[in-house]
Amino acid sequence: MQCYTELTSPTAVTHSLSLNFTSASANNLVIARTSLLQVYSLKNVLTEASHTTSISDQARRASANGPGSANLLSGGLQRGDRASTTKLVLVAQYELSGTVTSLARISIPSTKSGGEALLVSLRNAKVSLVEWDPERYGISTISIHLYERDDTQGNPWDPELQGQVSYLIVDPRSRCAALKFGARHLAILPFHQHGDDLAMDDYDSDIDGDKPKPTIMHAKSTQDNGTRDKTPYGASFVVSMLALEPSLLHPRHLAFLYEYREPTFGILSSQVASSISLFPERHDTLSYTVITLDLEQRASTALLSVNNLPYDLSQVVPLGAPTGGALLIGDNELIHVDQAGKTNGVAVNEFAKTGTSFALADQSDLRFRLEGAALESLGPDSSELLLIMATGELAIVGFRIDGRSVSGLT
């Protein structure tokens, strides 16, 4: 029942995503403002520099550089000079009946615009797959997936579904998407790709070693398998994280990883709940587990596990080539875990020494505060990352690479 009225539209941006949405060559920015979805495009425009503005700019520069600098500025912009600038142009906006928790891009075999599709997840365990329709000049919904059911609630004393953390992650090769919702539930939505029917099992025991025995997931399908030829996605299913690995009792964060043959994600979790009051006994309680999925058999295999990690780790950031592995972000430290489970960590403030017994390189003189920090790659071929802190400070995170392994962070 609708028992309230929205007086003003939301203004704060909660999520943003860059993708080729309106066409294959377009450069679009999609942002979410709680319950408002907006699509922007980048447009290059030529602006004419006014003579008055150029004279005032020259006067300010001359006063800053000294009286002898006026002649040096005589070659500035004059009347009629043009400069190319880039502007954000609002293409469309939509009011949603729910709170957006994640935005993700997905590549599917064919869309009406020829670009990428967009996945939008809402707080009530709902995922919408949308595309851009050039004929209607608007968003077209491909499918809606709702995973809110009574049998996923868990214990009676667990918080309600809308009060728990929910977010969406996508495999780097667009093979599937996963929605984490509830206390420890995971909804897997497979996507069809070109060449699926020609895929063969190319596992070589001489190269890859003994193949681990997979664990069959007791999952519940939410769709009919007969829709394969009609839709770009397969039948989704919901699985408990305890079915993937019994130790995932308190999941903290997960993300799909790069450079794996099958969809594979890394999970931060603990077997006991973290508590500040029990800090002396529970200060290194987290584990990092890498699990691979077999979408055809709906089976999972645990590849590795790293235990006794600091309790304040909160985020898994997957890294592509040439670094590989994943970077774990905590409040006081950064820890890299490669594909073999080797770890390298660095303490970025003075609180890391008292917060963990995990071996960390000491760079506490940086005095970074990583609560709410984000990491972004500086390029597809770069091993450096841009660290953006909640205070607005920026830093470059680099890796010392010896051959194909990481030996440290800088």
Protein backbone atom coordinates (compact mmCIF):
# COMPACT_ATOMS: atom_id res chain seq x y z
CA MET A 1 0.00 0.00 0.00
CA GLN A 2 1.35 3.43 -0.94
CA CYS A 3 1.18 5.52 2.24
CA TYR A 4 3.51 8.42 1.41
CA THR A 5 4.06 11.00 -1.30
CA GLU A 6 7.44 12.14 -2.59
CA LEU A 7 7.58 15.92 -2.26
CA THR A 8 10.89 16.52 -4.06
CA SER A 9 13.02 14.38 -6.33
CA PRO A 10 16.26 13.00 -4.83
CA THR A 11 19.37 15.04 -5.60
CA ALA A 12 22.31 13.10 -4.12
CA VAL A 13 24.05 10.66 -6.47
CA THR A 14 24.31 7.18 -4.95
CA HIS A 15 25.64 5.14 -7.91
CA SER A 16 27.25 5.87 -11.27
CA LEU A 17 28.37 3.80 -14.24
CA SER A 18 30.04 4.49 -17.59
CA LEU A 19 29.09 2.28 -20.54
CA ASN A 20 28.18 2.20 -24.25
CA PHE A 21 24.44 2.26 -23.74
CA THR A 22 22.61 4.23 -26.43
CA SER A 23 24.82 2.82 -29.23
CA ALA A 24 27.96 0.74 -29.71
CA SER A 25 30.11 3.87 -30.09
CA ALA A 26 28.35 6.06 -27.53
CA ASN A 27 29.94 7.15 -24.27
CA ASN A 28 27.16 7.30 -21.70
CA LEU A 29 27.02 8.00 -18.01
CA VAL A 30 24.20 6.38 -16.02
CA ILE A 31 23.64 7.63 -12.49
CA ALA A 32 21.19 6.64 -9.78
CA ARG A 33 19.82 9.10 -7.24
CA THR A 34 18.22 6.67 -4.78
CA SER A 35 15.00 6.11 -6.77
CA LEU A 36 15.77 8.20 -9.86
CA LEU A 37 17.67 6.79 -12.85
CA GLN A 38 19.27 9.23 -15.28
CA VAL A 39 21.06 8.59 -18.59
CA TYR A 40 23.60 11.15 -19.84
CA SER A 41 25.66 11.35 -23.01
CA LEU A 42 28.94 13.16 -23.65
CA LYS A 43 28.69 15.82 -26.33
CA ASN A 44 31.55 17.84 -27.81
CA VAL A 45 30.61 21.47 -28.44
CA LEU A 46 32.50 24.48 -29.77
CA THR A 47 32.31 27.56 -27.60
CA GLU A 48 33.35 31.02 -28.72
CA ALA A 49 35.66 32.85 -26.33
CA SER A 50 34.46 36.39 -25.71
CA HIS A 51 36.90 39.27 -26.04
CA THR A 52 35.91 40.66 -22.64
CA THR A 53 36.65 37.39 -20.87
CA SER A 54 40.02 36.97 -22.56
CA ILE A 55 41.09 40.51 -21.61
CA SER A 56 40.10 39.97 -17.98
CA ASP A 57 41.96 36.64 -17.92
CA GLN A 58 45.05 38.34 -19.32
CA ALA A 59 44.80 41.10 -16.72
CA ARG A 60 44.64 38.57 -13.88
CA ARG A 61 47.61 36.63 -15.25
CA ALA A 62 49.62 39.84 -15.75
CA SER A 63 49.02 40.93 -12.16
CA ALA A 64 50.07 37.49 -10.89
CA ASN A 65 53.19 37.20 -13.05
CA GLY A 66 54.40 40.79 -12.84
CA PRO A 67 54.28 43.89 -15.05
CA GLY A 68 56.67 42.45 -17.62
CA SER A 69 54.40 39.54 -18.50
CA ALA A 70 51.72 41.48 -20.39
CA ASN A 71 53.48 41.11 -23.74
CA LEU A 72 53.81 37.37 -23.24
CA LEU A 73 50.04 37.04 -23.01
CA SER A 74 49.27 38.94 -26.17
CA GLY A 75 48.84 35.67 -28.07
CA GLY A 76 45.86 34.61 -25.95
CA LEU A 77 42.28 34.02 -27.04
CA GLN A 78 40.78 36.86 -29.11
CA ARG A 79 37.27 37.54 -30.31
CA GLY A 80 36.08 34.73 -32.54
CA ASP A 81 38.50 32.09 -31.20
CA ARG A 82 36.79 28.76 -30.49
CA ALA A 83 37.54 26.07 -27.95
CA SER A 84 36.20 22.51 -27.88
CA THR A 85 34.59 21.47 -24.61
CA THR A 86 32.72 18.36 -23.50
CA LYS A 87 29.34 18.60 -21.81
CA LEU A 88 27.02 16.15 -20.14
CA VAL A 89 23.63 16.11 -21.84
CA LEU A 90 20.64 14.53 -20.10
CA VAL A 91 19.11 11.99 -22.48
CA ALA A 92 16.37 10.50 -20.29
CA GLN A 93 15.40 9.98 -16.66
CA TYR A 94 13.04 7.54 -14.96
CA GLU A 95 11.45 7.36 -11.52
CA LEU A 96 11.79 3.89 -10.02
CA SER A 97 9.56 2.19 -7.46
CA GLY A 98 12.41 1.21 -5.17
CA THR A 99 15.85 2.11 -3.92
CA VAL A 100 18.73 1.34 -6.26
CA THR A 101 21.53 -0.69 -4.65
CA SER A 102 23.76 -1.42 -7.68
CA LEU A 103 24.33 -0.61 -11.34
CA ALA A 104 26.27 -2.99 -13.60
CA ARG A 105 27.06 -3.26 -17.30
CA ILE A 106 26.60 -6.52 -19.17
CA SER A 107 27.48 -7.55 -22.72
CA ILE A 108 24.82 -9.72 -24.36
CA PRO A 109 24.81 -11.09 -27.94
CA SER A 110 22.35 -8.54 -29.34
CA THR A 111 20.64 -5.38 -28.17
CA LYS A 112 18.35 -2.99 -29.99
CA SER A 113 20.94 -0.21 -29.84
CA GLY A 114 23.96 -2.41 -30.57
CA GLY A 115 25.54 -1.30 -27.28
CA GLU A 116 25.70 -2.83 -23.83
CA ALA A 117 22.81 -3.67 -21.54
CA LEU A 118 22.29 -2.38 -18.01
CA LEU A 119 21.53 -4.32 -14.84
CA VAL A 120 19.76 -2.45 -12.04
CA SER A 121 19.27 -4.03 -8.62
CA LEU A 122 16.82 -2.75 -6.02
CA ARG A 123 16.75 -3.16 -2.26
CA ASN A 124 13.91 -5.70 -2.24
CA ALA A 125 16.02 -8.37 -4.07
CA LYS A 126 14.86 -7.30 -7.53
CA VAL A 127 17.06 -7.18 -10.65
CA SER A 128 16.03 -5.54 -13.92
CA LEU A 129 17.81 -6.07 -17.23
CA VAL A 130 17.25 -3.07 -19.52
CA GLU A 131 18.51 -1.89 -22.90
CA TRP A 132 18.21 1.27 -24.98
CA ASP A 133 15.56 1.29 -27.70
CA PRO A 134 16.47 3.83 -30.46
CA GLU A 135 12.99 3.65 -32.01
CA ARG A 136 11.24 4.63 -28.79
CA TYR A 137 14.22 6.74 -27.71
CA GLY A 138 14.01 5.32 -24.25
CA ILE A 139 14.80 2.40 -22.01
CA SER A 140 13.27 -0.98 -22.84
CA THR A 141 13.01 -3.66 -20.14
CA ILE A 142 14.22 -7.08 -21.22
CA SER A 143 13.44 -8.94 -17.98
CA ILE A 144 12.69 -8.49 -14.29
CA HIS A 145 13.91 -11.01 -11.71
CA LEU A 146 12.46 -11.02 -8.19
CA TYR A 147 14.08 -13.21 -5.53
CA GLU A 148 12.11 -12.16 -2.45
CA ARG A 149 10.55 -15.34 -1.08
CA ASP A 150 9.55 -16.58 2.34
CA ASP A 151 11.99 -19.52 2.30
CA THR A 152 14.99 -17.17 1.97
CA GLN A 153 14.28 -15.26 5.18
CA GLY A 154 16.28 -17.62 7.44
CA ASN A 155 16.00 -17.32 11.21
CA PRO A 156 13.03 -15.46 12.69
CA TRP A 157 15.37 -13.03 14.46
CA ASP A 158 17.26 -12.09 11.28
CA PRO A 159 16.71 -8.54 10.01
CA GLU A 160 14.13 -8.02 7.30
CA LEU A 161 15.26 -8.31 3.70
CA GLN A 162 15.14 -4.55 3.05
CA GLY A 163 17.31 -3.90 6.11
CA GLN A 164 20.20 -6.09 4.92
CA VAL A 165 23.01 -5.32 2.52
CA SER A 166 22.18 -6.14 -1.11
CA TYR A 167 24.43 -5.59 -4.13
CA LEU A 168 25.03 -6.90 -7.63
CA ILE A 169 28.28 -8.12 -9.22
CA VAL A 170 28.99 -9.19 -12.81
CA ASP A 171 31.58 -11.57 -14.22
CA PRO A 172 34.24 -9.67 -16.24
CA ARG A 173 33.44 -11.76 -19.32
CA SER A 174 29.66 -11.27 -18.88
CA ARG A 175 29.02 -14.96 -18.35
CA CYS A 176 26.78 -14.40 -15.32
CA ALA A 177 25.69 -11.93 -12.69
CA ALA A 178 25.25 -12.55 -8.97
CA LEU A 179 22.99 -10.74 -6.51
CA LYS A 180 23.91 -10.98 -2.85
CA PHE A 181 20.84 -10.44 -0.71
CA GLY A 182 19.56 -11.42 2.69
CA ALA A 183 21.94 -12.77 5.30
CA ARG A 184 23.82 -15.19 3.05
CA HIS A 185 21.85 -15.82 -0.14
CA LEU A 186 23.19 -15.55 -3.67
CA ALA A 187 21.09 -15.38 -6.85
CA ILE A 188 22.99 -16.46 -9.98
CA LEU A 189 21.76 -15.22 -13.38
CA PRO A 190 23.65 -16.84 -16.31
CA PHE A 191 23.93 -15.08 -19.67
CA HIS A 192 24.32 -16.61 -23.12
CA GLN A 193 27.40 -15.65 -25.12
CA HIS A 194 28.48 -16.19 -28.71
CA GLY A 195 29.90 -19.70 -29.16
CA ASP A 196 28.18 -21.27 -26.15
CA ASP A 197 26.97 -24.19 -28.26
CA LEU A 198 30.51 -24.78 -29.55
CA ALA A 199 32.15 -24.68 -26.12
CA MET A 200 34.10 -27.81 -25.24
CA ASP A 201 35.65 -29.05 -22.05
CA ASP A 202 39.34 -28.28 -22.64
CA TYR A 203 40.55 -29.16 -19.18
CA ASP A 204 44.06 -30.68 -19.42
CA SER A 205 45.18 -32.55 -16.31
CA ASP A 206 48.83 -32.42 -17.45
CA ILE A 207 48.76 -28.61 -17.46
CA ASP A 208 46.15 -27.75 -14.85
CA GLY A 209 46.79 -30.59 -12.39
CA ASP A 210 44.17 -32.79 -10.77
CA LYS A 211 40.71 -31.39 -11.19
CA PRO A 212 39.09 -30.72 -7.78
CA LYS A 213 35.86 -32.49 -7.04
CA PRO A 214 32.99 -30.00 -7.38
CA THR A 215 30.29 -29.48 -4.78
CA ILE A 216 26.76 -29.75 -6.14
CA MET A 217 24.72 -26.74 -5.04
CA HIS A 218 21.19 -27.38 -3.84
CA ALA A 219 19.72 -24.48 -5.77
CA LYS A 220 16.18 -23.50 -6.61
CA SER A 221 15.49 -22.49 -10.18
CA THR A 222 13.28 -19.47 -10.76
CA GLN A 223 12.70 -19.81 -14.52
CA ASP A 224 11.91 -22.32 -17.22
CA ASN A 225 14.89 -23.81 -19.06
CA GLY A 226 12.97 -23.66 -22.33
CA THR A 227 13.55 -19.91 -22.69
CA ARG A 228 17.15 -20.28 -23.89
CA ASP A 229 16.45 -19.44 -27.52
CA LYS A 230 14.15 -16.53 -26.68
CA THR A 231 16.16 -14.61 -24.09
CA PRO A 232 19.81 -13.57 -23.65
CA TYR A 233 19.91 -15.18 -20.22
CA GLY A 234 19.49 -18.66 -18.80
CA ALA A 235 17.47 -19.95 -15.87
CA SER A 236 18.53 -18.18 -12.69
CA PHE A 237 18.79 -19.94 -9.35
CA VAL A 238 19.22 -19.03 -5.69
CA VAL A 239 21.80 -20.74 -3.50
CA SER A 240 22.86 -20.33 0.09
CA MET A 241 26.51 -19.39 0.58
CA LEU A 242 26.76 -22.20 3.10
CA ALA A 243 26.14 -24.59 0.19
CA LEU A 244 29.15 -23.09 -1.60
CA GLU A 245 31.42 -23.38 1.46
CA PRO A 246 30.30 -24.18 5.02
CA SER A 247 32.74 -21.62 6.44
CA LEU A 248 30.92 -18.66 4.80
CA LEU A 249 28.80 -18.06 7.88
CA HIS A 250 29.21 -14.26 8.00
CA PRO A 251 29.95 -12.98 4.46
CA ARG A 252 31.44 -9.48 4.30
CA HIS A 253 31.97 -8.81 0.57
CA LEU A 254 32.50 -10.66 -2.71
CA ALA A 255 33.52 -9.86 -6.29
CA PHE A 256 34.13 -11.76 -9.52
CA LEU A 257 37.81 -12.20 -10.41
CA TYR A 258 39.72 -11.92 -13.68
CA GLU A 259 41.70 -14.53 -15.64
CA TYR A 260 39.72 -17.63 -14.71
CA ARG A 261 38.27 -20.16 -17.15
CA GLU A 262 34.98 -20.40 -15.26
CA PRO A 263 33.14 -17.65 -13.37
CA THR A 264 35.10 -17.29 -10.14
CA PHE A 265 34.67 -14.93 -7.22
CA GLY A 266 36.57 -14.07 -4.06
CA ILE A 267 34.64 -13.82 -0.79
CA LEU A 268 35.58 -12.10 2.45
CA SER A 269 33.86 -13.83 5.36
CA SER A 270 34.25 -15.05 8.93
CA GLN A 271 32.99 -17.98 10.93
CA VAL A 272 32.35 -15.82 14.01
CA ALA A 273 30.75 -12.40 14.24
CA SER A 274 33.16 -9.49 14.68
CA SER A 275 32.80 -7.53 17.90
CA ILE A 276 34.78 -4.59 19.27
CA SER A 277 34.09 -5.71 22.83
CA LEU A 278 35.76 -9.06 22.05
CA PHE A 279 38.60 -7.52 20.08
CA PRO A 280 41.48 -9.16 22.04
CA GLU A 281 40.07 -12.60 21.19
CA ARG A 282 38.62 -11.83 17.74
CA HIS A 283 40.95 -9.42 15.97
CA ASP A 284 41.99 -11.60 12.99
CA THR A 285 38.74 -13.35 12.20
CA LEU A 286 38.30 -12.91 8.44
CA SER A 287 39.06 -15.37 5.66
CA TYR A 288 39.41 -14.84 1.91
CA THR A 289 38.02 -17.74 -0.15
CA VAL A 290 38.12 -18.18 -3.92
CA ILE A 291 35.25 -20.24 -5.37
CA THR A 292 34.65 -21.17 -9.00
CA LEU A 293 31.20 -21.90 -10.46
CA ASP A 294 30.09 -24.47 -13.01
CA LEU A 295 26.95 -22.90 -14.43
CA GLU A 296 25.92 -25.94 -16.46
CA GLN A 297 26.12 -28.39 -13.56
CA ARG A 298 25.28 -25.78 -10.91
CA ALA A 299 28.30 -26.90 -8.93
CA SER A 300 31.02 -25.02 -7.07
CA THR A 301 34.64 -25.70 -6.18
CA ALA A 302 36.70 -23.96 -3.50
CA LEU A 303 40.14 -23.22 -4.98
CA LEU A 304 41.97 -21.60 -2.06
CA SER A 305 41.46 -19.96 1.30
CA VAL A 306 43.56 -17.41 3.21
CA ASN A 307 42.80 -17.24 6.94
CA ASN A 308 43.54 -14.96 9.90
CA LEU A 309 43.04 -11.71 8.02
CA PRO A 310 42.39 -8.38 9.82
CA TYR A 311 38.85 -7.91 11.06
CA ASP A 312 38.40 -4.47 9.46
CA LEU A 313 38.74 -5.61 5.83
CA SER A 314 35.58 -4.57 4.01
CA GLN A 315 36.01 -4.79 0.23
CA VAL A 316 37.36 -7.11 -2.47
CA VAL A 317 38.71 -5.30 -5.55
CA PRO A 318 39.49 -7.66 -8.49
CA LEU A 319 42.62 -6.86 -10.50
CA GLY A 320 43.21 -7.73 -14.13
CA ALA A 321 46.48 -8.28 -15.98
CA PRO A 322 49.34 -7.64 -15.44
CA THR A 323 48.79 -7.70 -11.66
CA GLY A 324 46.05 -10.30 -11.22
CA GLY A 325 44.50 -11.55 -8.02
CA ALA A 326 42.55 -9.22 -5.73
CA LEU A 327 43.23 -6.28 -3.45
CA LEU A 328 41.53 -6.31 -0.05
CA ILE A 329 40.73 -2.89 1.42
CA GLY A 330 40.55 -2.36 5.17
CA ASP A 331 40.25 0.68 7.35
CA ASN A 332 43.98 0.67 8.10
CA GLU A 333 45.65 -1.58 5.52
CA LEU A 334 45.77 -2.85 1.93
CA ILE A 335 46.41 -6.55 1.27
CA HIS A 336 47.01 -8.16 -2.12
CA VAL A 337 46.22 -11.85 -2.64
CA ASP A 338 47.39 -13.48 -5.87
CA GLN A 339 45.92 -16.51 -7.62
CA ALA A 340 48.13 -18.87 -5.61
CA GLY A 341 47.10 -17.41 -2.25
CA LYS A 342 50.32 -15.45 -1.64
CA THR A 343 49.71 -12.26 0.34
CA ASN A 344 51.45 -8.88 0.48
CA GLY A 345 50.12 -6.15 2.75
CA VAL A 346 50.94 -2.62 3.77
CA ALA A 347 49.84 -0.65 6.85
CA VAL A 348 48.78 2.88 5.89
CA ASN A 349 48.33 4.38 9.37
CA GLU A 350 49.42 3.89 12.96
CA PHE A 351 46.30 1.96 13.99
CA ALA A 352 47.16 -1.07 11.86
CA LYS A 353 49.82 -2.24 14.34
CA THR A 354 47.35 -2.45 17.21
CA GLY A 355 44.51 -3.82 15.08
CA THR A 356 46.04 -7.00 13.68
CA SER A 357 48.82 -9.55 14.02
CA PHE A 358 48.94 -10.02 10.25
CA ALA A 359 52.35 -9.30 8.70
CA LEU A 360 52.24 -5.87 7.04
CA ALA A 361 54.90 -3.58 5.60
CA ASP A 362 55.04 -0.41 7.66
CA GLN A 363 54.01 2.76 5.82
CA SER A 364 52.09 4.24 8.74
CA ASP A 365 53.59 7.66 8.05
CA LEU A 366 51.07 7.98 5.19
CA ARG A 367 48.28 8.46 7.77
CA PHE A 368 45.58 7.36 5.35
CA ARG A 369 42.00 6.75 6.50
CA LEU A 370 40.46 4.17 4.19
CA GLU A 371 36.88 4.11 5.51
CA GLY A 372 34.66 4.46 2.44
CA ALA A 373 37.65 4.53 0.05
CA ALA A 374 37.40 3.42 -3.58
CA LEU A 375 39.95 2.09 -6.10
CA GLU A 376 39.95 2.53 -9.87
CA SER A 377 42.40 1.27 -12.49
CA LEU A 378 44.40 3.87 -14.43
CA GLY A 379 44.26 1.85 -17.66
CA PRO A 380 43.84 -1.64 -19.10
CA ASP A 381 47.61 -2.17 -19.35
CA SER A 382 48.60 -0.33 -16.18
CA SER A 383 49.35 -1.97 -12.85
CA GLU A 384 48.71 1.26 -10.96
CA LEU A 385 45.47 2.10 -9.19
CA LEU A 386 43.93 5.41 -8.18
CA LEU A 387 42.91 5.45 -4.51
CA ILE A 388 40.10 7.91 -3.70
CA MET A 389 39.49 8.49 -0.01
CA ALA A 390 36.34 9.81 1.62
CA THR A 391 38.19 13.00 2.56
CA GLY A 392 38.81 13.77 -1.12
CA GLU A 393 42.50 12.86 -0.99
CA LEU A 394 43.98 10.94 -3.92
CA ALA A 395 46.89 8.51 -3.99
CA ILE A 396 48.51 6.13 -6.48
CA VAL A 397 48.81 2.48 -5.44
CA GLY A 398 51.56 0.58 -7.24
CA PHE A 399 52.83 -3.00 -7.18
CA ARG A 400 56.36 -4.40 -7.25
CA ILE A 401 56.17 -7.25 -9.74
CA ASP A 402 58.91 -9.90 -9.99
CA GLY A 403 58.22 -11.97 -13.07
CA ARG A 404 54.56 -12.95 -12.77
CA SER A 405 54.20 -12.52 -9.01
CA VAL A 406 53.66 -9.49 -6.81
CA SER A 407 56.36 -8.94 -4.19
CA GLY A 408 55.03 -5.79 -2.55
CA LEU A 409 52.87 -2.65 -2.63
CA THR A 410 53.96 0.95 -2.91
